[in-house]
């Protein structure tokens, strides 16, 4: 198995686990924060939903600069249902 095929298989497996997690985010708790200085649950869940796409994009662009994160990483999810759509 090539490295590319192994990475794709692993990302597919992780996507299933991430999807199950995002499907369980309660709609009425999107604004909840684990700590006053933390991001909200909606922001954390949105970050989780966009991370696989960001990783794939960085692989095709030749790398990722961690100091140059897009602003969309800090957006909150509009709804619990939108999280799975964002992941897809």
N, C-alpha and C. Protein backbone atom coordinates (compact mmCIF):
# COMPACT_ATOMS: atom_id res chain seq x y z
N UNK A 1 0.86 -1.19 0.00
CA UNK A 1 0.00 0.00 0.00
C UNK A 1 0.89 1.24 0.00
N UNK A 2 0.59 2.17 -0.87
CA UNK A 2 1.37 3.40 -0.95
C UNK A 2 1.04 4.30 0.24
N UNK A 3 1.90 5.27 0.48
CA UNK A 3 1.67 6.22 1.56
C UNK A 3 0.38 7.00 1.33
N UNK A 4 0.14 7.40 0.09
CA UNK A 4 -1.07 8.16 -0.24
C UNK A 4 -2.33 7.34 0.07
N UNK A 5 -2.34 6.08 -0.33
CA UNK A 5 -3.50 5.22 -0.06
C UNK A 5 -3.70 5.01 1.44
N UNK A 6 -2.60 4.87 2.16
CA UNK A 6 -2.69 4.71 3.61
C UNK A 6 -3.25 5.97 4.27
N UNK A 7 -2.80 7.14 3.81
CA UNK A 7 -3.32 8.40 4.36
C UNK A 7 -4.80 8.58 4.06
N UNK A 8 -5.21 8.24 2.85
CA UNK A 8 -6.62 8.36 2.48
C UNK A 8 -7.48 7.43 3.32
N UNK A 9 -7.01 6.19 3.51
CA UNK A 9 -7.75 5.23 4.33
C UNK A 9 -7.88 5.74 5.77
N UNK A 10 -6.80 6.30 6.31
CA UNK A 10 -6.85 6.82 7.67
C UNK A 10 -7.77 8.03 7.77
N UNK A 11 -7.74 8.91 6.79
CA UNK A 11 -8.62 10.07 6.82
C UNK A 11 -10.09 9.66 6.70
N UNK A 12 -10.37 8.64 5.90
CA UNK A 12 -11.74 8.14 5.79
C UNK A 12 -12.22 7.59 7.14
N UNK A 13 -11.34 6.85 7.80
CA UNK A 13 -11.69 6.28 9.11
C UNK A 13 -11.92 7.40 10.14
N UNK A 14 -11.05 8.38 10.14
CA UNK A 14 -11.19 9.49 11.08
C UNK A 14 -12.42 10.33 10.77
N UNK A 15 -12.77 10.46 9.49
CA UNK A 15 -13.96 11.23 9.11
C UNK A 15 -15.22 10.59 9.69
N UNK A 16 -15.27 9.27 9.70
CA UNK A 16 -16.44 8.59 10.28
C UNK A 16 -16.56 8.88 11.77
N UNK A 17 -15.43 8.81 12.49
CA UNK A 17 -15.44 9.09 13.92
C UNK A 17 -15.80 10.56 14.18
N UNK A 18 -15.27 11.45 13.38
CA UNK A 18 -15.57 12.88 13.52
C UNK A 18 -17.04 13.15 13.23
N UNK A 19 -17.58 12.51 12.20
CA UNK A 19 -19.00 12.68 11.87
C UNK A 19 -19.88 12.25 13.04
N UNK A 20 -19.58 11.10 13.64
CA UNK A 20 -20.36 10.63 14.79
C UNK A 20 -20.29 11.63 15.95
N UNK A 21 -19.13 12.19 16.17
CA UNK A 21 -18.95 13.19 17.23
C UNK A 21 -19.77 14.44 16.94
N UNK A 22 -19.68 14.94 15.72
CA UNK A 22 -20.39 16.17 15.36
C UNK A 22 -21.91 15.99 15.37
N UNK A 23 -22.37 14.80 15.06
CA UNK A 23 -23.81 14.52 15.08
C UNK A 23 -24.37 14.58 16.50
N UNK A 24 -23.52 14.48 17.48
CA UNK A 24 -23.95 14.46 18.88
C UNK A 24 -23.83 15.82 19.58
N UNK A 25 -23.38 16.83 18.87
CA UNK A 25 -23.27 18.17 19.48
C UNK A 25 -24.68 18.71 19.69
N UNK A 26 -25.03 19.05 20.94
CA UNK A 26 -26.39 19.54 21.21
C UNK A 26 -26.59 20.97 20.69
N UNK A 27 -27.67 21.16 19.97
CA UNK A 27 -28.00 22.46 19.37
C UNK A 27 -28.07 23.56 20.42
N UNK A 28 -28.62 23.26 21.58
CA UNK A 28 -28.82 24.29 22.60
C UNK A 28 -27.56 24.60 23.41
N UNK A 29 -26.45 23.93 23.11
CA UNK A 29 -25.21 24.15 23.86
C UNK A 29 -24.09 24.75 23.01
N UNK A 30 -24.40 25.24 21.81
CA UNK A 30 -23.36 25.77 20.93
C UNK A 30 -22.63 26.97 21.54
N UNK A 31 -23.29 27.72 22.40
CA UNK A 31 -22.66 28.88 23.02
C UNK A 31 -21.92 28.58 24.31
N UNK A 32 -22.02 27.34 24.81
CA UNK A 32 -21.38 26.97 26.07
C UNK A 32 -19.87 26.98 25.93
N UNK A 33 -19.19 27.46 26.99
CA UNK A 33 -17.73 27.49 27.02
C UNK A 33 -17.24 26.68 28.21
N UNK A 34 -16.25 25.82 28.00
CA UNK A 34 -15.71 25.04 29.11
C UNK A 34 -14.97 25.92 30.14
N UNK A 35 -14.54 27.09 29.70
CA UNK A 35 -13.85 28.05 30.56
C UNK A 35 -14.10 29.43 29.96
N UNK A 36 -14.11 30.45 30.77
CA UNK A 36 -14.42 31.80 30.25
C UNK A 36 -13.45 32.28 29.18
N UNK A 37 -12.22 31.77 29.19
CA UNK A 37 -11.24 32.16 28.18
C UNK A 37 -11.22 31.23 26.97
N UNK A 38 -12.03 30.19 27.01
CA UNK A 38 -12.05 29.19 25.94
C UNK A 38 -12.96 29.61 24.80
N UNK A 39 -12.79 28.93 23.67
CA UNK A 39 -13.74 29.07 22.58
C UNK A 39 -15.03 28.37 22.98
N UNK A 40 -16.13 28.76 22.36
CA UNK A 40 -17.42 28.12 22.65
C UNK A 40 -17.46 26.72 22.03
N UNK A 41 -18.42 25.92 22.46
CA UNK A 41 -18.60 24.59 21.89
C UNK A 41 -18.86 24.69 20.39
N UNK A 42 -19.62 25.69 19.97
CA UNK A 42 -19.88 25.89 18.55
C UNK A 42 -18.61 26.19 17.77
N UNK A 43 -17.72 26.99 18.35
CA UNK A 43 -16.45 27.30 17.69
C UNK A 43 -15.53 26.07 17.66
N UNK A 44 -15.48 25.34 18.77
CA UNK A 44 -14.64 24.14 18.83
C UNK A 44 -15.14 23.07 17.86
N UNK A 45 -16.46 22.89 17.79
CA UNK A 45 -17.03 21.90 16.87
C UNK A 45 -16.80 22.31 15.42
N UNK A 46 -16.92 23.60 15.13
CA UNK A 46 -16.67 24.08 13.76
C UNK A 46 -15.21 23.84 13.39
N UNK A 47 -14.32 24.09 14.32
CA UNK A 47 -12.89 23.84 14.08
C UNK A 47 -12.67 22.36 13.75
N UNK A 48 -13.32 21.49 14.51
CA UNK A 48 -13.21 20.06 14.28
C UNK A 48 -13.75 19.69 12.90
N UNK A 49 -14.81 20.35 12.47
CA UNK A 49 -15.43 20.05 11.19
C UNK A 49 -14.58 20.51 10.01
N UNK A 50 -13.86 21.62 10.14
CA UNK A 50 -13.09 22.12 8.99
C UNK A 50 -11.65 21.62 8.95
N UNK A 51 -11.16 21.03 10.03
CA UNK A 51 -9.76 20.61 10.08
C UNK A 51 -9.39 19.61 8.98
N UNK A 52 -10.19 18.56 8.70
CA UNK A 52 -9.79 17.65 7.62
C UNK A 52 -9.65 18.35 6.26
N UNK A 53 -10.55 19.25 5.96
CA UNK A 53 -10.46 19.99 4.71
C UNK A 53 -9.24 20.88 4.66
N UNK A 54 -8.94 21.52 5.77
CA UNK A 54 -7.74 22.37 5.84
C UNK A 54 -6.48 21.53 5.66
N UNK A 55 -6.47 20.33 6.25
CA UNK A 55 -5.30 19.46 6.10
C UNK A 55 -5.14 19.04 4.64
N UNK A 56 -6.23 18.65 4.02
CA UNK A 56 -6.17 18.24 2.62
C UNK A 56 -5.71 19.39 1.74
N UNK A 57 -6.22 20.58 2.01
CA UNK A 57 -5.82 21.76 1.23
C UNK A 57 -4.33 22.04 1.41
N UNK A 58 -3.84 21.93 2.64
CA UNK A 58 -2.42 22.21 2.87
C UNK A 58 -1.53 21.18 2.19
N UNK A 59 -2.02 19.93 2.09
CA UNK A 59 -1.22 18.91 1.40
C UNK A 59 -1.11 19.21 -0.09
N UNK A 60 -2.17 19.72 -0.68
CA UNK A 60 -2.13 20.03 -2.11
C UNK A 60 -1.40 21.34 -2.39
N UNK A 61 -1.36 22.23 -1.39
CA UNK A 61 -0.67 23.51 -1.56
C UNK A 61 0.81 23.43 -1.21
N UNK A 62 1.24 22.30 -0.69
CA UNK A 62 2.66 22.12 -0.39
C UNK A 62 3.07 22.50 1.01
N UNK A 63 2.14 22.65 1.91
CA UNK A 63 2.51 22.92 3.29
C UNK A 63 1.53 23.82 3.99
N UNK A 64 1.74 23.99 5.27
CA UNK A 64 0.84 24.77 6.10
C UNK A 64 1.66 25.67 7.01
N UNK A 65 1.31 26.94 7.05
CA UNK A 65 1.95 27.88 7.94
C UNK A 65 1.02 28.08 9.13
N UNK A 66 1.39 27.55 10.28
CA UNK A 66 0.52 27.61 11.45
C UNK A 66 0.27 29.03 11.94
N UNK A 67 1.13 29.95 11.56
CA UNK A 67 0.95 31.35 11.98
C UNK A 67 -0.07 32.07 11.09
N UNK A 68 -0.49 31.43 10.02
CA UNK A 68 -1.37 32.08 9.05
C UNK A 68 -2.70 31.35 8.92
N UNK A 69 -3.34 31.08 10.07
CA UNK A 69 -4.64 30.40 10.04
C UNK A 69 -5.71 31.33 9.50
N UNK A 70 -6.61 30.80 8.70
CA UNK A 70 -7.71 31.62 8.21
C UNK A 70 -8.68 31.98 9.33
N UNK A 71 -9.34 33.11 9.18
CA UNK A 71 -10.28 33.58 10.20
C UNK A 71 -11.43 32.61 10.42
N UNK A 72 -11.76 31.80 9.42
CA UNK A 72 -12.90 30.89 9.55
C UNK A 72 -12.69 29.84 10.65
N UNK A 73 -11.44 29.66 11.11
CA UNK A 73 -11.20 28.71 12.19
C UNK A 73 -11.89 29.13 13.48
N UNK A 74 -12.17 30.40 13.62
CA UNK A 74 -12.74 30.91 14.87
C UNK A 74 -14.22 31.22 14.77
N UNK A 75 -14.84 30.85 13.66
CA UNK A 75 -16.27 31.03 13.53
C UNK A 75 -17.00 29.99 14.36
N UNK A 76 -18.20 30.34 14.81
CA UNK A 76 -19.03 29.38 15.53
C UNK A 76 -19.95 28.68 14.53
N UNK A 77 -20.32 27.47 14.85
CA UNK A 77 -21.27 26.74 14.01
C UNK A 77 -22.61 27.46 14.04
N UNK A 78 -23.25 27.54 12.88
CA UNK A 78 -24.57 28.18 12.81
C UNK A 78 -25.63 27.29 13.44
N UNK A 79 -25.47 25.99 13.29
CA UNK A 79 -26.39 25.02 13.88
C UNK A 79 -25.66 23.69 14.01
N UNK A 80 -26.22 22.82 14.83
CA UNK A 80 -25.61 21.50 14.98
C UNK A 80 -25.66 20.73 13.67
N UNK A 81 -26.73 20.88 12.91
CA UNK A 81 -26.88 20.18 11.63
C UNK A 81 -25.84 20.65 10.61
N UNK A 82 -25.43 21.91 10.68
CA UNK A 82 -24.47 22.43 9.70
C UNK A 82 -23.07 21.86 9.92
N UNK A 83 -22.80 21.32 11.09
CA UNK A 83 -21.46 20.80 11.36
C UNK A 83 -21.11 19.62 10.45
N UNK A 84 -22.04 18.70 10.29
CA UNK A 84 -21.77 17.53 9.43
C UNK A 84 -21.64 17.97 7.98
N UNK A 85 -22.45 18.94 7.57
CA UNK A 85 -22.33 19.46 6.20
C UNK A 85 -20.98 20.12 5.98
N UNK A 86 -20.48 20.82 6.98
CA UNK A 86 -19.17 21.46 6.88
C UNK A 86 -18.09 20.41 6.76
N UNK A 87 -18.20 19.34 7.53
CA UNK A 87 -17.22 18.25 7.46
C UNK A 87 -17.21 17.64 6.07
N UNK A 88 -18.38 17.42 5.50
CA UNK A 88 -18.48 16.80 4.17
C UNK A 88 -17.85 17.70 3.14
